[in-house]
Amino acid sequence: MDRMRTPATRVKQLYGDTLPPAYDDRPSLPRRMIRAARMLTGRALLDFDSMTSHAIAAAGLARGERVLIFCCGTGREFPAILQAIGPEGSIVGVDFSAAMLARAHQAVQRERWTNVTLLEADVTAFDPAGQPPFDVGVCFLGLSIIPDWELAYGNLLAALRPGGRLVIGDLQLASGWRAL
């Protein structure tokens, strides 16, 4: 079997090589115009950043909590989480894409966040051994792209303390006419 045809390899290529350079960039003018037209006609697009902030607020994060983020990518959710947990809390962000983590690292340095640790690792093989349990596990826009998502989900749960909380936010890519 051609290794490039396996789902895990395709995901790694997309999220490790192709997508990171433009992941957080603003949409082009034509895309913004299409988005505005859809909103005006009642076909509003999903505002995932807003939904992420609402999900984080609903999770009831508290100052000083330890948060594990699977598929952290460029760290788009870091500001909302850090606002809730304060400088006493901490984030461990895990992603398998060195390019995504490089952008997250730039944000960590630019914002001078001293309580964020980034790990390059495959979440399906993540082992929390040696780390204290986390209060909250988070995965936004990650599980739907992981071929062995059940392993990742199980590893995220295993890293939580008893009574810990889990926050998952995900989408599925549309295909066919729905993708228009």
N, C-alpha and C. Protein backbone atom coordinates (compact mmCIF):
# COMPACT_ATOMS: atom_id res chain seq x y z
N MET A 1 0.84 -1.19 0.00
CA MET A 1 0.00 0.00 0.00
C MET A 1 0.88 1.24 0.00
N ASP A 2 0.55 2.20 -0.83
CA ASP A 2 1.27 3.46 -0.89
C ASP A 2 1.01 4.23 0.40
N ARG A 3 2.07 4.52 1.13
CA ARG A 3 1.95 5.18 2.44
C ARG A 3 1.22 6.52 2.34
N MET A 4 1.37 7.25 1.24
CA MET A 4 0.71 8.55 1.09
C MET A 4 -0.79 8.42 0.94
N ARG A 5 -1.29 7.21 0.76
CA ARG A 5 -2.73 7.03 0.62
C ARG A 5 -3.42 6.71 1.94
N THR A 6 -2.66 6.48 3.00
CA THR A 6 -3.29 6.18 4.29
C THR A 6 -3.86 7.46 4.87
N PRO A 7 -4.98 7.36 5.56
CA PRO A 7 -5.60 8.56 6.12
C PRO A 7 -4.66 9.34 7.05
N ALA A 8 -3.91 8.66 7.89
CA ALA A 8 -3.03 9.35 8.83
C ALA A 8 -1.98 10.16 8.10
N THR A 9 -1.46 9.63 7.02
CA THR A 9 -0.43 10.34 6.26
C THR A 9 -1.02 11.54 5.55
N ARG A 10 -2.23 11.39 5.00
CA ARG A 10 -2.88 12.53 4.34
C ARG A 10 -3.16 13.65 5.34
N VAL A 11 -3.62 13.29 6.53
CA VAL A 11 -3.89 14.29 7.56
C VAL A 11 -2.59 14.99 7.94
N LYS A 12 -1.53 14.23 8.16
CA LYS A 12 -0.24 14.81 8.54
C LYS A 12 0.27 15.74 7.45
N GLN A 13 0.11 15.35 6.19
CA GLN A 13 0.56 16.20 5.09
C GLN A 13 -0.23 17.51 5.07
N LEU A 14 -1.56 17.42 5.20
CA LEU A 14 -2.38 18.62 5.16
C LEU A 14 -2.09 19.54 6.34
N TYR A 15 -2.13 19.00 7.56
CA TYR A 15 -1.98 19.84 8.75
C TYR A 15 -0.52 20.07 9.13
N GLY A 16 0.40 19.29 8.55
CA GLY A 16 1.80 19.47 8.86
C GLY A 16 2.53 20.30 7.84
N ASP A 17 2.08 20.27 6.58
CA ASP A 17 2.81 20.94 5.52
C ASP A 17 1.99 22.00 4.79
N THR A 18 0.79 21.66 4.40
CA THR A 18 0.01 22.50 3.51
C THR A 18 -0.70 23.65 4.22
N LEU A 19 -1.38 23.36 5.28
CA LEU A 19 -2.25 24.33 5.93
C LEU A 19 -1.55 25.36 6.83
N PRO A 20 -0.52 25.02 7.61
CA PRO A 20 0.02 25.96 8.59
C PRO A 20 0.39 27.35 8.08
N PRO A 21 0.97 27.53 6.89
CA PRO A 21 1.35 28.88 6.49
C PRO A 21 0.18 29.87 6.45
N ALA A 22 -1.03 29.42 6.23
CA ALA A 22 -2.17 30.34 6.11
C ALA A 22 -3.25 30.08 7.15
N TYR A 23 -2.99 29.24 8.13
CA TYR A 23 -4.04 28.80 9.05
C TYR A 23 -4.75 29.93 9.76
N ASP A 24 -4.01 30.89 10.29
CA ASP A 24 -4.61 31.98 11.05
C ASP A 24 -4.79 33.25 10.24
N ASP A 25 -4.41 33.23 8.97
CA ASP A 25 -4.52 34.43 8.15
C ASP A 25 -5.97 34.79 7.90
N ARG A 26 -6.19 36.10 7.67
CA ARG A 26 -7.54 36.56 7.35
C ARG A 26 -7.97 36.01 6.00
N PRO A 27 -9.25 35.72 5.85
CA PRO A 27 -9.73 35.24 4.55
C PRO A 27 -9.54 36.31 3.49
N SER A 28 -9.39 35.89 2.25
CA SER A 28 -9.23 36.82 1.14
C SER A 28 -10.50 37.65 0.97
N LEU A 29 -10.39 38.74 0.22
CA LEU A 29 -11.54 39.61 -0.01
C LEU A 29 -12.70 38.84 -0.64
N PRO A 30 -12.48 38.01 -1.67
CA PRO A 30 -13.63 37.26 -2.23
C PRO A 30 -14.30 36.37 -1.19
N ARG A 31 -13.52 35.71 -0.34
CA ARG A 31 -14.12 34.85 0.68
C ARG A 31 -14.89 35.68 1.70
N ARG A 32 -14.37 36.85 2.06
CA ARG A 32 -15.09 37.72 3.00
C ARG A 32 -16.39 38.21 2.38
N MET A 33 -16.39 38.48 1.08
CA MET A 33 -17.61 38.93 0.40
C MET A 33 -18.65 37.81 0.38
N ILE A 34 -18.20 36.58 0.10
CA ILE A 34 -19.12 35.44 0.11
C ILE A 34 -19.68 35.24 1.51
N ARG A 35 -18.84 35.35 2.53
CA ARG A 35 -19.28 35.20 3.91
C ARG A 35 -20.33 36.26 4.25
N ALA A 36 -20.08 37.52 3.86
CA ALA A 36 -21.04 38.60 4.13
C ALA A 36 -22.36 38.34 3.42
N ALA A 37 -22.29 37.89 2.16
CA ALA A 37 -23.52 37.61 1.41
C ALA A 37 -24.32 36.50 2.09
N ARG A 38 -23.65 35.47 2.55
CA ARG A 38 -24.35 34.38 3.23
C ARG A 38 -25.00 34.87 4.51
N MET A 39 -24.31 35.74 5.23
CA MET A 39 -24.88 36.26 6.47
C MET A 39 -26.11 37.13 6.18
N LEU A 40 -26.04 37.93 5.13
CA LEU A 40 -27.16 38.79 4.77
C LEU A 40 -28.37 37.99 4.31
N THR A 41 -28.14 36.85 3.68
CA THR A 41 -29.25 36.04 3.18
C THR A 41 -29.72 35.01 4.20
N GLY A 42 -29.16 35.06 5.39
CA GLY A 42 -29.61 34.13 6.43
C GLY A 42 -28.85 32.82 6.45
N ARG A 43 -27.86 32.68 5.61
CA ARG A 43 -27.05 31.46 5.61
C ARG A 43 -25.73 31.78 6.30
N ALA A 44 -25.82 32.13 7.56
CA ALA A 44 -24.63 32.53 8.31
C ALA A 44 -23.64 31.38 8.42
N LEU A 45 -22.39 31.71 8.26
CA LEU A 45 -21.34 30.73 8.44
C LEU A 45 -21.04 30.58 9.92
N LEU A 46 -20.49 29.47 10.27
CA LEU A 46 -20.14 29.19 11.64
C LEU A 46 -18.99 30.09 12.09
N ASP A 47 -19.18 30.79 13.16
CA ASP A 47 -18.11 31.60 13.75
C ASP A 47 -17.46 30.74 14.83
N PHE A 48 -16.45 29.98 14.42
CA PHE A 48 -15.89 29.00 15.33
C PHE A 48 -15.14 29.65 16.49
N ASP A 49 -14.51 30.79 16.25
CA ASP A 49 -13.80 31.47 17.35
C ASP A 49 -14.78 31.85 18.45
N SER A 50 -15.94 32.36 18.07
CA SER A 50 -16.96 32.73 19.05
C SER A 50 -17.48 31.50 19.78
N MET A 51 -17.72 30.41 19.04
CA MET A 51 -18.20 29.19 19.67
C MET A 51 -17.15 28.61 20.63
N THR A 52 -15.88 28.74 20.26
CA THR A 52 -14.80 28.27 21.13
C THR A 52 -14.82 29.04 22.44
N SER A 53 -14.94 30.35 22.35
CA SER A 53 -14.98 31.18 23.56
C SER A 53 -16.17 30.81 24.44
N HIS A 54 -17.33 30.56 23.84
CA HIS A 54 -18.51 30.16 24.61
C HIS A 54 -18.30 28.81 25.27
N ALA A 55 -17.70 27.86 24.54
CA ALA A 55 -17.45 26.54 25.11
C ALA A 55 -16.48 26.62 26.28
N ILE A 56 -15.46 27.43 26.15
CA ILE A 56 -14.49 27.59 27.23
C ILE A 56 -15.16 28.23 28.44
N ALA A 57 -15.99 29.23 28.20
CA ALA A 57 -16.71 29.87 29.31
C ALA A 57 -17.65 28.88 30.00
N ALA A 58 -18.34 28.06 29.20
CA ALA A 58 -19.28 27.09 29.76
C ALA A 58 -18.57 25.98 30.55
N ALA A 59 -17.30 25.74 30.24
CA ALA A 59 -16.54 24.69 30.94
C ALA A 59 -16.22 25.09 32.37
N GLY A 60 -16.38 26.36 32.69
CA GLY A 60 -16.16 26.82 34.06
C GLY A 60 -14.71 26.73 34.49
N LEU A 61 -13.79 27.03 33.59
CA LEU A 61 -12.38 27.02 33.96
C LEU A 61 -12.14 28.01 35.10
N ALA A 62 -11.26 27.63 36.00
CA ALA A 62 -10.97 28.46 37.17
C ALA A 62 -9.49 28.79 37.22
N ARG A 63 -9.20 29.86 37.92
CA ARG A 63 -7.80 30.27 38.09
C ARG A 63 -6.99 29.12 38.68
N GLY A 64 -5.81 28.94 38.14
CA GLY A 64 -4.91 27.94 38.65
C GLY A 64 -5.06 26.55 38.07
N GLU A 65 -6.03 26.35 37.19
CA GLU A 65 -6.24 25.00 36.64
C GLU A 65 -5.20 24.67 35.58
N ARG A 66 -4.94 23.37 35.47
CA ARG A 66 -4.03 22.83 34.45
C ARG A 66 -4.89 22.34 33.29
N VAL A 67 -4.57 22.79 32.08
CA VAL A 67 -5.36 22.46 30.90
C VAL A 67 -4.48 21.77 29.86
N LEU A 68 -4.93 20.61 29.39
CA LEU A 68 -4.26 19.87 28.33
C LEU A 68 -5.05 20.08 27.05
N ILE A 69 -4.38 20.55 26.01
CA ILE A 69 -5.06 20.80 24.73
C ILE A 69 -4.47 19.87 23.68
N PHE A 70 -5.30 18.94 23.20
CA PHE A 70 -4.90 18.08 22.09
C PHE A 70 -5.18 18.81 20.78
N CYS A 71 -4.32 18.62 19.80
CA CYS A 71 -4.46 19.25 18.49
C CYS A 71 -4.51 20.77 18.64
N CYS A 72 -3.57 21.30 19.41
CA CYS A 72 -3.59 22.74 19.72
C CYS A 72 -3.27 23.61 18.52
N GLY A 73 -2.66 23.05 17.50
CA GLY A 73 -2.37 23.82 16.29
C GLY A 73 -1.56 25.07 16.60
N THR A 74 -2.07 26.20 16.14
CA THR A 74 -1.38 27.48 16.31
C THR A 74 -1.72 28.16 17.63
N GLY A 75 -2.58 27.55 18.42
CA GLY A 75 -2.91 28.10 19.73
C GLY A 75 -4.02 29.14 19.73
N ARG A 76 -4.92 29.04 18.79
CA ARG A 76 -6.00 30.04 18.70
C ARG A 76 -6.84 30.13 19.97
N GLU A 77 -6.97 29.01 20.70
CA GLU A 77 -7.80 29.03 21.90
C GLU A 77 -7.02 29.44 23.15
N PHE A 78 -5.71 29.60 23.05
CA PHE A 78 -4.91 29.94 24.22
C PHE A 78 -5.39 31.22 24.93
N PRO A 79 -5.64 32.33 24.21
CA PRO A 79 -6.04 33.55 24.93
C PRO A 79 -7.28 33.38 25.80
N ALA A 80 -8.32 32.73 25.26
CA ALA A 80 -9.55 32.56 26.03
C ALA A 80 -9.31 31.66 27.25
N ILE A 81 -8.51 30.63 27.08
CA ILE A 81 -8.22 29.73 28.20
C ILE A 81 -7.37 30.44 29.25
N LEU A 82 -6.34 31.15 28.80
CA LEU A 82 -5.45 31.85 29.73
C LEU A 82 -6.19 32.94 30.51
N GLN A 83 -7.15 33.56 29.87
CA GLN A 83 -7.95 34.58 30.58
C GLN A 83 -8.68 33.94 31.76
N ALA A 84 -9.15 32.71 31.57
CA ALA A 84 -9.90 32.02 32.62
C ALA A 84 -8.99 31.45 33.72
N ILE A 85 -7.85 30.87 33.34
CA ILE A 85 -7.01 30.20 34.33
C ILE A 85 -5.97 31.11 34.96
N GLY A 86 -5.76 32.26 34.35
CA GLY A 86 -4.82 33.24 34.91
C GLY A 86 -3.37 32.75 34.88
N PRO A 87 -2.48 33.57 35.39
CA PRO A 87 -1.06 33.21 35.39
C PRO A 87 -0.74 32.07 36.35
N GLU A 88 -1.66 31.77 37.26
CA GLU A 88 -1.45 30.65 38.20
C GLU A 88 -1.71 29.31 37.53
N GLY A 89 -2.48 29.30 36.46
CA GLY A 89 -2.79 28.07 35.74
C GLY A 89 -1.75 27.79 34.68
N SER A 90 -1.95 26.67 33.96
CA SER A 90 -1.01 26.34 32.90
C SER A 90 -1.70 25.58 31.79
N ILE A 91 -1.10 25.70 30.62
CA ILE A 91 -1.57 24.99 29.42
C ILE A 91 -0.43 24.11 28.92
N VAL A 92 -0.77 22.89 28.57
CA VAL A 92 0.13 22.03 27.80
C VAL A 92 -0.57 21.78 26.48
N GLY A 93 0.00 22.29 25.40
CA GLY A 93 -0.56 22.12 24.06
C GLY A 93 0.19 21.04 23.32
N VAL A 94 -0.55 20.10 22.73
CA VAL A 94 0.06 18.97 22.02
C VAL A 94 -0.44 18.99 20.57
N ASP A 95 0.50 18.85 19.63
CA ASP A 95 0.15 18.75 18.22
C ASP A 95 1.26 17.98 17.52
N PHE A 96 0.93 17.29 16.44
CA PHE A 96 1.97 16.55 15.71
C PHE A 96 2.61 17.36 14.61
N SER A 97 2.09 18.55 14.35
CA SER A 97 2.59 19.39 13.27
C SER A 97 3.62 20.39 13.80
N ALA A 98 4.87 20.20 13.40
CA ALA A 98 5.93 21.13 13.81
C ALA A 98 5.64 22.53 13.28
N ALA A 99 5.07 22.63 12.09
CA ALA A 99 4.78 23.95 11.51
C ALA A 99 3.69 24.67 12.31
N MET A 100 2.65 23.94 12.71
CA MET A 100 1.60 24.56 13.53
C MET A 100 2.18 24.99 14.88
N LEU A 101 2.97 24.12 15.49
CA LEU A 101 3.57 24.44 16.78
C LEU A 101 4.53 25.62 16.68
N ALA A 102 5.20 25.78 15.55
CA ALA A 102 6.09 26.93 15.37
C ALA A 102 5.29 28.22 15.43
N ARG A 103 4.11 28.22 14.83
CA ARG A 103 3.25 29.42 14.91
C ARG A 103 2.73 29.64 16.33
N ALA A 104 2.39 28.53 17.01
CA ALA A 104 1.95 28.65 18.40
C ALA A 104 3.10 29.20 19.26
N HIS A 105 4.30 28.72 19.02
CA HIS A 105 5.47 29.18 19.77
C HIS A 105 5.70 30.68 19.55
N GLN A 106 5.50 31.15 18.32
CA GLN A 106 5.61 32.59 18.04
C GLN A 106 4.61 33.38 18.88
N ALA A 107 3.38 32.88 18.96
CA ALA A 107 2.36 33.56 19.76
C ALA A 107 2.74 33.57 21.24
N VAL A 108 3.24 32.42 21.72
CA VAL A 108 3.64 32.32 23.13
C VAL A 108 4.73 33.35 23.43
N GLN A 109 5.70 33.46 22.55
CA GLN A 109 6.78 34.43 22.76
C GLN A 109 6.29 35.86 22.63
N ARG A 110 5.49 36.13 21.59
CA ARG A 110 4.98 37.49 21.36
C ARG A 110 4.16 37.98 22.55
N GLU A 111 3.31 37.10 23.11
CA GLU A 111 2.44 37.47 24.21
C GLU A 111 3.11 37.30 25.58
N ARG A 112 4.29 36.70 25.58
CA ARG A 112 5.06 36.47 26.81
C ARG A 112 4.30 35.59 27.82
N TRP A 113 3.69 34.54 27.28
CA TRP A 113 3.00 33.59 28.14
C TRP A 113 4.03 32.63 28.72
N THR A 114 4.23 32.67 30.00
CA THR A 114 5.23 31.80 30.64
C THR A 114 4.61 30.50 31.15
N ASN A 115 3.31 30.38 31.06
CA ASN A 115 2.63 29.20 31.58
C ASN A 115 2.06 28.32 30.47
N VAL A 116 2.67 28.37 29.29
CA VAL A 116 2.25 27.53 28.17
C VAL A 116 3.44 26.68 27.74
N THR A 117 3.22 25.36 27.70
CA THR A 117 4.23 24.41 27.23
C THR A 117 3.69 23.75 25.97
N LEU A 118 4.53 23.63 24.95
CA LEU A 118 4.13 23.02 23.69
C LEU A 118 4.90 21.72 23.48
N LEU A 119 4.18 20.67 23.09
CA LEU A 119 4.79 19.36 22.85
C LEU A 119 4.44 18.88 21.45
N GLU A 120 5.45 18.47 20.71
CA GLU A 120 5.20 17.86 19.40
C GLU A 120 5.04 16.36 19.63
N ALA A 121 3.81 15.88 19.44
CA ALA A 121 3.53 14.47 19.69
C ALA A 121 2.25 14.07 18.97
N ASP A 122 2.13 12.78 18.73
CA ASP A 122 0.93 12.19 18.16
C ASP A 122 -0.04 11.92 19.31
N VAL A 123 -1.20 12.54 19.29
CA VAL A 123 -2.14 12.39 20.40
C VAL A 123 -2.69 10.97 20.53
N THR A 124 -2.59 10.18 19.46
CA THR A 124 -3.05 8.79 19.56
C THR A 124 -2.04 7.93 20.32
N ALA A 125 -0.85 8.46 20.53
CA ALA A 125 0.19 7.74 21.28
C ALA A 125 0.62 8.52 22.52
N PHE A 126 -0.12 9.57 22.87
CA PHE A 126 0.25 10.43 23.99
C PHE A 126 0.17 9.66 25.30
N ASP A 127 1.22 9.77 26.10
CA ASP A 127 1.27 9.11 27.40
C ASP A 127 1.48 10.16 28.47
N PRO A 128 0.49 10.38 29.32
CA PRO A 128 0.62 11.42 30.35
C PRO A 128 1.46 11.00 31.55
N ALA A 129 2.05 9.81 31.50
CA ALA A 129 2.84 9.32 32.64
C ALA A 129 3.92 10.34 32.98
N GLY A 130 4.12 10.54 34.27
CA GLY A 130 5.13 11.49 34.73
C GLY A 130 4.60 12.91 34.88
N GLN A 131 3.40 13.16 34.41
CA GLN A 131 2.79 14.49 34.55
C GLN A 131 1.68 14.40 35.58
N PRO A 132 1.51 15.44 36.38
CA PRO A 132 0.33 15.44 37.26
C PRO A 132 -0.93 15.44 36.41
N PRO A 133 -2.02 14.90 36.93
CA PRO A 133 -3.26 14.90 36.14
C PRO A 133 -3.73 16.32 35.84
N PHE A 134 -4.41 16.45 34.72
CA PHE A 134 -4.92 17.75 34.30
C PHE A 134 -6.34 17.94 34.81
N ASP A 135 -6.71 19.20 35.04
CA ASP A 135 -8.07 19.54 35.48
C ASP A 135 -9.06 19.51 34.31
N VAL A 136 -8.57 19.94 33.14
CA VAL A 136 -9.43 20.08 31.96
C VAL A 136 -8.69 19.57 30.73
N GLY A 137 -9.39 18.81 29.90
CA GLY A 137 -8.88 18.38 28.60
C GLY A 137 -9.67 19.08 27.51
N VAL A 138 -8.99 19.56 26.49
CA VAL A 138 -9.62 20.33 25.43
C VAL A 138 -9.17 19.80 24.08
N CYS A 139 -10.09 19.72 23.13
CA CYS A 139 -9.73 19.40 21.74
C CYS A 139 -10.74 20.09 20.83
N PHE A 140 -10.26 21.10 20.12
CA PHE A 140 -11.10 21.81 19.15
C PHE A 140 -10.59 21.50 17.75
N LEU A 141 -11.51 21.14 16.87
CA LEU A 141 -11.21 20.87 15.46
C LEU A 141 -10.08 19.86 15.30
N GLY A 142 -10.13 18.80 16.11
CA GLY A 142 -9.08 17.81 16.03
C GLY A 142 -9.57 16.39 15.84
N LEU A 143 -10.52 15.97 16.65
CA LEU A 143 -10.92 14.56 16.61
C LEU A 143 -11.45 14.12 15.24
N SER A 144 -12.12 15.01 14.54
CA SER A 144 -12.71 14.63 13.26
C SER A 144 -11.67 14.37 12.17
N ILE A 145 -10.44 14.80 12.37
CA ILE A 145 -9.42 14.58 11.36
C ILE A 145 -8.45 13.46 11.73
N ILE A 146 -8.62 12.89 12.92
CA ILE A 146 -7.72 11.83 13.38
C ILE A 146 -8.34 10.48 13.01
N PRO A 147 -7.66 9.72 12.16
CA PRO A 147 -8.22 8.41 11.77
C PRO A 147 -8.53 7.52 12.98
N ASP A 148 -7.65 7.50 13.98
CA ASP A 148 -7.86 6.69 15.18
C ASP A 148 -8.31 7.60 16.33
N TRP A 149 -9.41 8.32 16.09
CA TRP A 149 -9.85 9.32 17.06
C TRP A 149 -10.18 8.72 18.42
N GLU A 150 -10.61 7.45 18.43
CA GLU A 150 -10.96 6.83 19.71
C GLU A 150 -9.73 6.74 20.62
N LEU A 151 -8.57 6.46 20.05
CA LEU A 151 -7.33 6.43 20.84
C LEU A 151 -7.01 7.80 21.41
N ALA A 152 -7.14 8.82 20.58
CA ALA A 152 -6.86 10.19 21.05
C ALA A 152 -7.83 10.57 22.17
N TYR A 153 -9.09 10.28 21.97
CA TYR A 153 -10.11 10.59 22.98
C TYR A 153 -9.79 9.87 24.29
N GLY A 154 -9.45 8.60 24.21
CA GLY A 154 -9.10 7.82 25.40
C GLY A 154 -7.87 8.38 26.10
N ASN A 155 -6.87 8.81 25.33
CA ASN A 155 -5.66 9.39 25.92
C ASN A 155 -5.95 10.72 26.60
N LEU A 156 -6.83 11.50 26.03
CA LEU A 156 -7.21 12.78 26.65
C LEU A 156 -7.93 12.53 27.97
N LEU A 157 -8.85 11.57 27.97
CA LEU A 157 -9.56 11.22 29.20
C LEU A 157 -8.60 10.68 30.27
N ALA A 158 -7.66 9.85 29.85
CA ALA A 158 -6.71 9.24 30.79
C ALA A 158 -5.81 10.26 31.47
N ALA A 159 -5.63 11.41 30.83
CA ALA A 159 -4.75 12.44 31.38
C ALA A 159 -5.45 13.31 32.43
N LEU A 160 -6.77 13.15 32.57
CA LEU A 160 -7.54 14.00 33.49
C LEU A 160 -7.56 13.42 34.90
N ARG A 161 -7.65 14.31 35.87
CA ARG A 161 -7.84 13.88 37.26
C ARG A 161 -9.26 13.35 37.41
N PRO A 162 -9.52 12.57 38.43
CA PRO A 162 -10.91 12.15 38.68
C PRO A 162 -11.79 13.40 38.84
N GLY A 163 -12.88 13.43 38.14
CA GLY A 163 -13.78 14.59 38.18
C GLY A 163 -13.35 15.71 37.24
N GLY A 164 -12.28 15.49 36.47
CA GLY A 164 -11.83 16.50 35.52
C GLY A 164 -12.86 16.71 34.43
N ARG A 165 -12.74 17.80 33.72
CA ARG A 165 -13.72 18.16 32.68
C ARG A 165 -13.10 18.04 31.29
N LEU A 166 -13.96 17.77 30.32
CA LEU A 166 -13.54 17.60 28.94
C LEU A 166 -14.34 18.56 28.06
N VAL A 167 -13.65 19.28 27.18
CA VAL A 167 -14.30 20.21 26.26
C VAL A 167 -13.90 19.81 24.84
N ILE A 168 -14.88 19.42 24.04
CA ILE A 168 -14.64 19.02 22.65
C ILE A 168 -15.48 19.92 21.75
N GLY A 169 -14.85 20.47 20.73
CA GLY A 169 -15.55 21.27 19.73
C GLY A 169 -15.06 20.84 18.36
N ASP A 170 -15.95 20.38 17.50
CA ASP A 170 -15.49 19.85 16.23
C ASP A 170 -16.51 20.07 15.14
N LEU A 171 -16.07 19.89 13.93
CA LEU A 171 -16.91 20.00 12.74
C LEU A 171 -16.56 18.85 11.81
N GLN A 172 -17.38 18.64 10.83
CA GLN A 172 -17.07 17.67 9.79
C GLN A 172 -17.12 18.40 8.47
N LEU A 173 -16.14 18.14 7.60
CA LEU A 173 -16.12 18.79 6.30
C LEU A 173 -17.31 18.34 5.47
N ALA A 174 -17.94 19.31 4.83
CA ALA A 174 -19.04 19.02 3.93
C ALA A 174 -18.49 18.56 2.59
N SER A 175 -19.26 17.75 1.89
CA SER A 175 -18.85 17.31 0.57
C SER A 175 -20.02 17.51 -0.40
N GLY A 176 -19.72 17.42 -1.68
CA GLY A 176 -20.77 17.57 -2.69
C GLY A 176 -21.33 18.98 -2.69
N TRP A 177 -22.60 19.11 -2.97
CA TRP A 177 -23.22 20.43 -3.09
C TRP A 177 -23.21 21.19 -1.77
N ARG A 178 -23.16 20.49 -0.65
CA ARG A 178 -23.14 21.16 0.66
C ARG A 178 -21.85 21.94 0.88
N ALA A 179 -20.81 21.59 0.17
CA ALA A 179 -19.52 22.25 0.33
C ALA A 179 -19.45 23.59 -0.41
N LEU A 180 -20.46 23.91 -1.19
CA LEU A 180 -20.44 25.17 -1.96
C LEU A 180 -20.64 26.38 -1.09
